[in-house]
Amino acid sequence: MKKTLILSAIALTAAIAAPAFAAPCSEDQESAAGMLAAGVGKATVAKVVAVTGKQMVNISACDFRAGNYQVDFKYNFLAADGLYWVELSSKFDGTGGGAATKVLKSSPNMAAAEEKAGVKLASN
């Protein structure tokens, strides 16, 4: 009986503590993540196409864990020859540093620009 009670208490504590380690972003965190994601997106695509105009980030998922963001987002941007977009999944710290980014999907003109430049953005 005592052993069962202790195990139940441990399981309950773990269930309560788990959300503290991984939680969806609050509105403020999502706003901050969006600003940081724009920088991460720009740095990612700059290897292929120079961003020369407006940028827009649409966040589809945002989690905050131990000072780091895990964000899935679509990055739209203007370049000298038109509008491009990429869908990215990225993990970065609270300053946008240490970014690990995966390209999930890209616009046809972005794919063509990658091919022309001989550069394949990280996709795995």
N, C-alpha and C. Protein backbone atom coordinates (compact mmCIF):
# COMPACT_ATOMS: atom_id res chain seq x y z
N MET A 1 0.82 -1.19 0.00
CA MET A 1 0.00 0.00 0.00
C MET A 1 0.87 1.26 0.00
N LYS A 2 1.83 1.28 0.90
CA LYS A 2 2.72 2.42 1.00
C LYS A 2 3.52 2.60 -0.29
N LYS A 3 3.98 1.48 -0.87
CA LYS A 3 4.76 1.50 -2.10
C LYS A 3 3.90 2.05 -3.26
N THR A 4 2.64 1.63 -3.33
CA THR A 4 1.73 2.10 -4.36
C THR A 4 1.48 3.59 -4.22
N LEU A 5 1.33 4.06 -3.00
CA LEU A 5 1.09 5.48 -2.74
C LEU A 5 2.29 6.32 -3.18
N ILE A 6 3.49 5.83 -2.89
CA ILE A 6 4.71 6.55 -3.27
C ILE A 6 4.83 6.60 -4.79
N LEU A 7 4.60 5.48 -5.46
CA LEU A 7 4.68 5.46 -6.92
C LEU A 7 3.63 6.37 -7.55
N SER A 8 2.44 6.41 -6.97
CA SER A 8 1.40 7.30 -7.47
C SER A 8 1.81 8.76 -7.30
N ALA A 9 2.42 9.08 -6.18
CA ALA A 9 2.88 10.45 -5.94
C ALA A 9 3.96 10.83 -6.93
N ILE A 10 4.87 9.90 -7.23
CA ILE A 10 5.94 10.18 -8.20
C ILE A 10 5.34 10.39 -9.59
N ALA A 11 4.40 9.56 -9.97
CA ALA A 11 3.76 9.69 -11.28
C ALA A 11 3.01 11.01 -11.39
N LEU A 12 2.31 11.40 -10.33
CA LEU A 12 1.58 12.66 -10.33
C LEU A 12 2.54 13.85 -10.44
N THR A 13 3.63 13.78 -9.71
CA THR A 13 4.63 14.86 -9.76
C THR A 13 5.21 14.97 -11.17
N ALA A 14 5.51 13.86 -11.79
CA ALA A 14 6.05 13.87 -13.16
C ALA A 14 5.05 14.45 -14.13
N ALA A 15 3.78 14.12 -13.97
CA ALA A 15 2.75 14.63 -14.88
C ALA A 15 2.57 16.13 -14.72
N ILE A 16 2.70 16.62 -13.51
CA ILE A 16 2.57 18.06 -13.28
C ILE A 16 3.80 18.80 -13.77
N ALA A 17 4.99 18.23 -13.58
CA ALA A 17 6.24 18.89 -13.94
C ALA A 17 6.49 18.88 -15.45
N ALA A 18 5.98 17.89 -16.17
CA ALA A 18 6.25 17.77 -17.61
C ALA A 18 5.92 19.03 -18.40
N PRO A 19 4.77 19.67 -18.18
CA PRO A 19 4.49 20.88 -18.95
C PRO A 19 5.48 22.01 -18.69
N ALA A 20 6.14 22.03 -17.57
CA ALA A 20 7.12 23.07 -17.29
C ALA A 20 8.32 22.95 -18.22
N PHE A 21 8.57 21.76 -18.74
CA PHE A 21 9.70 21.55 -19.61
C PHE A 21 9.36 21.80 -21.08
N ALA A 22 8.13 21.62 -21.45
CA ALA A 22 7.73 21.81 -22.84
C ALA A 22 6.33 22.41 -22.86
N ALA A 23 6.25 23.63 -23.32
CA ALA A 23 4.95 24.29 -23.33
C ALA A 23 4.78 25.09 -24.61
N PRO A 24 3.55 25.16 -25.10
CA PRO A 24 3.31 26.03 -26.25
C PRO A 24 3.65 27.47 -25.89
N CYS A 25 4.06 28.23 -26.86
CA CYS A 25 4.43 29.62 -26.62
C CYS A 25 3.22 30.44 -26.19
N SER A 26 3.46 31.37 -25.28
CA SER A 26 2.44 32.36 -24.94
C SER A 26 2.37 33.35 -26.10
N GLU A 27 1.43 34.26 -26.07
CA GLU A 27 1.34 35.27 -27.15
C GLU A 27 2.61 36.10 -27.23
N ASP A 28 3.15 36.49 -26.08
CA ASP A 28 4.38 37.28 -26.07
C ASP A 28 5.56 36.48 -26.62
N GLN A 29 5.66 35.22 -26.22
CA GLN A 29 6.73 34.37 -26.72
C GLN A 29 6.60 34.14 -28.22
N GLU A 30 5.37 33.95 -28.69
CA GLU A 30 5.15 33.74 -30.12
C GLU A 30 5.52 34.99 -30.92
N SER A 31 5.22 36.15 -30.38
CA SER A 31 5.58 37.39 -31.04
C SER A 31 7.11 37.52 -31.12
N ALA A 32 7.78 37.24 -30.01
CA ALA A 32 9.25 37.29 -30.00
C ALA A 32 9.83 36.24 -30.94
N ALA A 33 9.25 35.04 -30.93
CA ALA A 33 9.72 33.97 -31.81
C ALA A 33 9.57 34.35 -33.28
N GLY A 34 8.48 35.04 -33.61
CA GLY A 34 8.26 35.47 -34.99
C GLY A 34 9.33 36.44 -35.46
N MET A 35 9.70 37.38 -34.59
CA MET A 35 10.75 38.34 -34.95
C MET A 35 12.09 37.62 -35.13
N LEU A 36 12.38 36.69 -34.24
CA LEU A 36 13.63 35.92 -34.34
C LEU A 36 13.60 35.00 -35.56
N ALA A 37 12.44 34.40 -35.83
CA ALA A 37 12.31 33.50 -36.98
C ALA A 37 12.56 34.24 -38.29
N ALA A 38 12.17 35.51 -38.36
CA ALA A 38 12.43 36.29 -39.57
C ALA A 38 13.93 36.37 -39.83
N GLY A 39 14.70 36.59 -38.77
CA GLY A 39 16.16 36.64 -38.92
C GLY A 39 16.74 35.30 -39.30
N VAL A 40 16.23 34.25 -38.69
CA VAL A 40 16.69 32.89 -39.00
C VAL A 40 16.34 32.54 -40.45
N GLY A 41 15.12 32.87 -40.86
CA GLY A 41 14.70 32.61 -42.24
C GLY A 41 15.55 33.36 -43.24
N LYS A 42 15.80 34.63 -42.95
CA LYS A 42 16.62 35.45 -43.85
C LYS A 42 18.03 34.88 -43.97
N ALA A 43 18.61 34.48 -42.84
CA ALA A 43 19.96 33.91 -42.87
C ALA A 43 19.99 32.61 -43.67
N THR A 44 18.92 31.84 -43.58
CA THR A 44 18.85 30.57 -44.30
C THR A 44 18.78 30.78 -45.81
N VAL A 45 17.87 31.64 -46.27
CA VAL A 45 17.69 31.81 -47.71
C VAL A 45 18.77 32.67 -48.35
N ALA A 46 19.47 33.47 -47.55
CA ALA A 46 20.51 34.36 -48.09
C ALA A 46 21.63 33.58 -48.77
N LYS A 47 21.73 32.29 -48.49
CA LYS A 47 22.73 31.45 -49.14
C LYS A 47 22.42 31.27 -50.62
N VAL A 48 21.15 31.56 -50.98
CA VAL A 48 20.69 31.34 -52.36
C VAL A 48 20.17 32.62 -52.99
N VAL A 49 19.34 33.37 -52.25
CA VAL A 49 18.69 34.57 -52.78
C VAL A 49 18.81 35.70 -51.76
N ALA A 50 19.19 36.88 -52.22
CA ALA A 50 19.28 38.04 -51.33
C ALA A 50 17.88 38.60 -51.06
N VAL A 51 17.56 38.77 -49.80
CA VAL A 51 16.29 39.37 -49.41
C VAL A 51 16.44 40.88 -49.56
N THR A 52 15.62 41.46 -50.44
CA THR A 52 15.75 42.89 -50.71
C THR A 52 14.53 43.70 -50.30
N GLY A 53 13.47 43.03 -49.92
CA GLY A 53 12.24 43.74 -49.60
C GLY A 53 11.59 43.22 -48.33
N LYS A 54 10.29 43.37 -48.29
CA LYS A 54 9.52 43.00 -47.11
C LYS A 54 9.61 41.51 -46.82
N GLN A 55 9.43 41.20 -45.52
CA GLN A 55 9.43 39.82 -45.05
C GLN A 55 8.16 39.58 -44.24
N MET A 56 7.66 38.35 -44.27
CA MET A 56 6.51 38.01 -43.46
C MET A 56 6.70 36.59 -42.94
N VAL A 57 6.35 36.40 -41.67
CA VAL A 57 6.47 35.10 -41.04
C VAL A 57 5.08 34.66 -40.58
N ASN A 58 4.68 33.45 -40.95
CA ASN A 58 3.44 32.84 -40.47
C ASN A 58 3.84 31.63 -39.63
N ILE A 59 3.58 31.69 -38.33
CA ILE A 59 3.95 30.60 -37.43
C ILE A 59 2.83 29.58 -37.38
N SER A 60 3.18 28.31 -37.61
CA SER A 60 2.19 27.24 -37.52
C SER A 60 2.32 26.46 -36.21
N ALA A 61 3.50 26.47 -35.59
CA ALA A 61 3.71 25.81 -34.30
C ALA A 61 4.85 26.51 -33.57
N CYS A 62 4.68 26.68 -32.26
CA CYS A 62 5.71 27.34 -31.46
C CYS A 62 5.73 26.70 -30.07
N ASP A 63 6.87 26.20 -29.67
CA ASP A 63 7.07 25.66 -28.33
C ASP A 63 8.27 26.35 -27.71
N PHE A 64 8.22 26.50 -26.39
CA PHE A 64 9.32 27.13 -25.66
C PHE A 64 9.78 26.15 -24.59
N ARG A 65 11.07 25.80 -24.65
CA ARG A 65 11.63 24.82 -23.71
C ARG A 65 12.99 25.32 -23.24
N ALA A 66 13.15 25.44 -21.96
CA ALA A 66 14.45 25.75 -21.36
C ALA A 66 15.19 26.89 -22.07
N GLY A 67 14.47 27.95 -22.38
CA GLY A 67 15.09 29.11 -23.01
C GLY A 67 15.26 29.01 -24.51
N ASN A 68 14.79 27.93 -25.11
CA ASN A 68 14.90 27.74 -26.56
C ASN A 68 13.53 27.64 -27.20
N TYR A 69 13.44 28.13 -28.43
CA TYR A 69 12.22 28.05 -29.20
C TYR A 69 12.33 26.92 -30.21
N GLN A 70 11.23 26.22 -30.44
CA GLN A 70 11.08 25.28 -31.54
C GLN A 70 9.90 25.83 -32.34
N VAL A 71 10.18 26.30 -33.57
CA VAL A 71 9.16 27.00 -34.34
C VAL A 71 9.06 26.42 -35.75
N ASP A 72 7.84 26.14 -36.17
CA ASP A 72 7.55 25.78 -37.56
C ASP A 72 6.88 27.00 -38.17
N PHE A 73 7.40 27.46 -39.31
CA PHE A 73 6.88 28.69 -39.87
C PHE A 73 7.09 28.77 -41.38
N LYS A 74 6.30 29.63 -41.99
CA LYS A 74 6.45 29.93 -43.42
C LYS A 74 7.06 31.32 -43.50
N TYR A 75 8.15 31.42 -44.24
CA TYR A 75 8.88 32.68 -44.40
C TYR A 75 8.68 33.17 -45.83
N ASN A 76 7.98 34.28 -45.98
CA ASN A 76 7.73 34.90 -47.28
C ASN A 76 8.63 36.13 -47.38
N PHE A 77 9.23 36.34 -48.54
CA PHE A 77 10.10 37.51 -48.68
C PHE A 77 10.18 37.97 -50.14
N LEU A 78 10.52 39.23 -50.28
CA LEU A 78 10.73 39.80 -51.60
C LEU A 78 12.22 39.84 -51.91
N ALA A 79 12.54 39.44 -53.13
CA ALA A 79 13.90 39.52 -53.64
C ALA A 79 13.85 40.40 -54.89
N ALA A 80 14.99 40.65 -55.48
CA ALA A 80 15.05 41.54 -56.64
C ALA A 80 14.14 41.09 -57.78
N ASP A 81 13.94 39.78 -57.91
CA ASP A 81 13.14 39.28 -59.03
C ASP A 81 11.80 38.68 -58.62
N GLY A 82 11.29 39.01 -57.44
CA GLY A 82 9.94 38.55 -57.09
C GLY A 82 9.78 38.05 -55.68
N LEU A 83 8.62 37.43 -55.45
CA LEU A 83 8.24 36.90 -54.16
C LEU A 83 8.66 35.43 -54.05
N TYR A 84 9.25 35.08 -52.92
CA TYR A 84 9.67 33.71 -52.63
C TYR A 84 9.09 33.30 -51.29
N TRP A 85 9.04 32.00 -51.05
CA TRP A 85 8.67 31.49 -49.73
C TRP A 85 9.32 30.15 -49.47
N VAL A 86 9.52 29.90 -48.18
CA VAL A 86 10.00 28.60 -47.72
C VAL A 86 9.26 28.26 -46.43
N GLU A 87 9.02 26.98 -46.22
CA GLU A 87 8.47 26.51 -44.95
C GLU A 87 9.63 25.89 -44.19
N LEU A 88 9.81 26.34 -42.95
CA LEU A 88 10.96 25.95 -42.15
C LEU A 88 10.54 25.40 -40.80
N SER A 89 11.38 24.56 -40.25
CA SER A 89 11.28 24.13 -38.86
C SER A 89 12.62 24.46 -38.25
N SER A 90 12.60 25.22 -37.17
CA SER A 90 13.85 25.70 -36.62
C SER A 90 13.84 25.70 -35.10
N LYS A 91 15.00 25.46 -34.53
CA LYS A 91 15.19 25.55 -33.09
C LYS A 91 16.29 26.59 -32.89
N PHE A 92 16.02 27.56 -32.00
CA PHE A 92 17.00 28.60 -31.73
C PHE A 92 16.82 29.12 -30.32
N ASP A 93 17.85 29.81 -29.82
CA ASP A 93 17.77 30.32 -28.45
C ASP A 93 17.00 31.64 -28.41
N GLY A 94 16.90 32.22 -27.24
CA GLY A 94 16.11 33.43 -27.04
C GLY A 94 16.63 34.66 -27.74
N THR A 95 17.80 34.57 -28.38
CA THR A 95 18.33 35.69 -29.15
C THR A 95 18.34 35.38 -30.65
N GLY A 96 17.88 34.19 -31.02
CA GLY A 96 17.89 33.78 -32.42
C GLY A 96 19.18 33.06 -32.79
N GLY A 97 20.08 32.92 -31.81
CA GLY A 97 21.37 32.27 -32.07
C GLY A 97 21.27 30.76 -31.99
N GLY A 98 22.33 30.11 -32.44
CA GLY A 98 22.41 28.66 -32.39
C GLY A 98 21.32 27.96 -33.18
N ALA A 99 20.88 28.58 -34.25
CA ALA A 99 19.75 28.04 -35.02
C ALA A 99 20.11 26.75 -35.75
N ALA A 100 19.24 25.77 -35.58
CA ALA A 100 19.28 24.53 -36.36
C ALA A 100 17.99 24.54 -37.17
N THR A 101 18.13 24.61 -38.49
CA THR A 101 16.98 24.83 -39.35
C THR A 101 16.85 23.74 -40.40
N LYS A 102 15.61 23.35 -40.63
CA LYS A 102 15.30 22.35 -41.65
C LYS A 102 14.28 22.96 -42.61
N VAL A 103 14.57 22.90 -43.89
CA VAL A 103 13.63 23.38 -44.91
C VAL A 103 12.66 22.25 -45.21
N LEU A 104 11.38 22.52 -45.02
CA LEU A 104 10.35 21.51 -45.25
C LEU A 104 9.80 21.56 -46.67
N LYS A 105 9.66 22.78 -47.20
CA LYS A 105 9.06 22.98 -48.51
C LYS A 105 9.48 24.36 -49.00
N SER A 106 9.53 24.53 -50.32
CA SER A 106 9.86 25.85 -50.85
C SER A 106 9.09 26.12 -52.13
N SER A 107 8.99 27.39 -52.46
CA SER A 107 8.29 27.80 -53.67
C SER A 107 9.05 27.30 -54.90
N PRO A 108 8.36 27.14 -56.01
CA PRO A 108 9.04 26.67 -57.23
C PRO A 108 10.21 27.57 -57.64
N ASN A 109 10.04 28.89 -57.50
CA ASN A 109 11.14 29.77 -57.89
C ASN A 109 12.31 29.68 -56.91
N MET A 110 12.04 29.34 -55.64
CA MET A 110 13.14 29.14 -54.68
C MET A 110 13.90 27.87 -55.03
N ALA A 111 13.17 26.82 -55.39
CA ALA A 111 13.81 25.57 -55.81
C ALA A 111 14.67 25.79 -57.05
N ALA A 112 14.16 26.59 -57.98
CA ALA A 112 14.93 26.91 -59.20
C ALA A 112 16.17 27.72 -58.86
N ALA A 113 16.06 28.65 -57.91
CA ALA A 113 17.20 29.46 -57.50
C ALA A 113 18.26 28.60 -56.82
N GLU A 114 17.81 27.62 -56.02
CA GLU A 114 18.76 26.70 -55.39
C GLU A 114 19.53 25.92 -56.45
N GLU A 115 18.78 25.42 -57.44
CA GLU A 115 19.41 24.64 -58.51
C GLU A 115 20.41 25.50 -59.28
N LYS A 116 20.01 26.72 -59.60
CA LYS A 116 20.88 27.63 -60.36
C LYS A 116 22.14 27.97 -59.57
N ALA A 117 22.00 28.17 -58.26
CA ALA A 117 23.15 28.51 -57.43
C ALA A 117 23.99 27.29 -57.06
N GLY A 118 23.44 26.11 -57.31
CA GLY A 118 24.17 24.88 -56.95
C GLY A 118 24.20 24.68 -55.44
N VAL A 119 23.19 25.20 -54.75
CA VAL A 119 23.11 25.10 -53.30
C VAL A 119 21.79 24.44 -52.93
N LYS A 120 21.88 23.44 -52.05
CA LYS A 120 20.66 22.80 -51.54
C LYS A 120 20.55 23.18 -50.07
N LEU A 121 19.49 23.92 -49.73
CA LEU A 121 19.28 24.30 -48.35
C LEU A 121 18.96 23.06 -47.52
N ALA A 122 19.35 23.05 -46.26
CA ALA A 122 19.18 21.89 -45.39
C ALA A 122 17.74 21.41 -45.39
N SER A 123 17.54 20.17 -45.77
CA SER A 123 16.18 19.63 -45.83
C SER A 123 16.03 18.35 -45.03
N ASN A 124 16.99 18.06 -44.19
CA ASN A 124 16.84 16.87 -43.33
C ASN A 124 17.48 17.10 -42.00
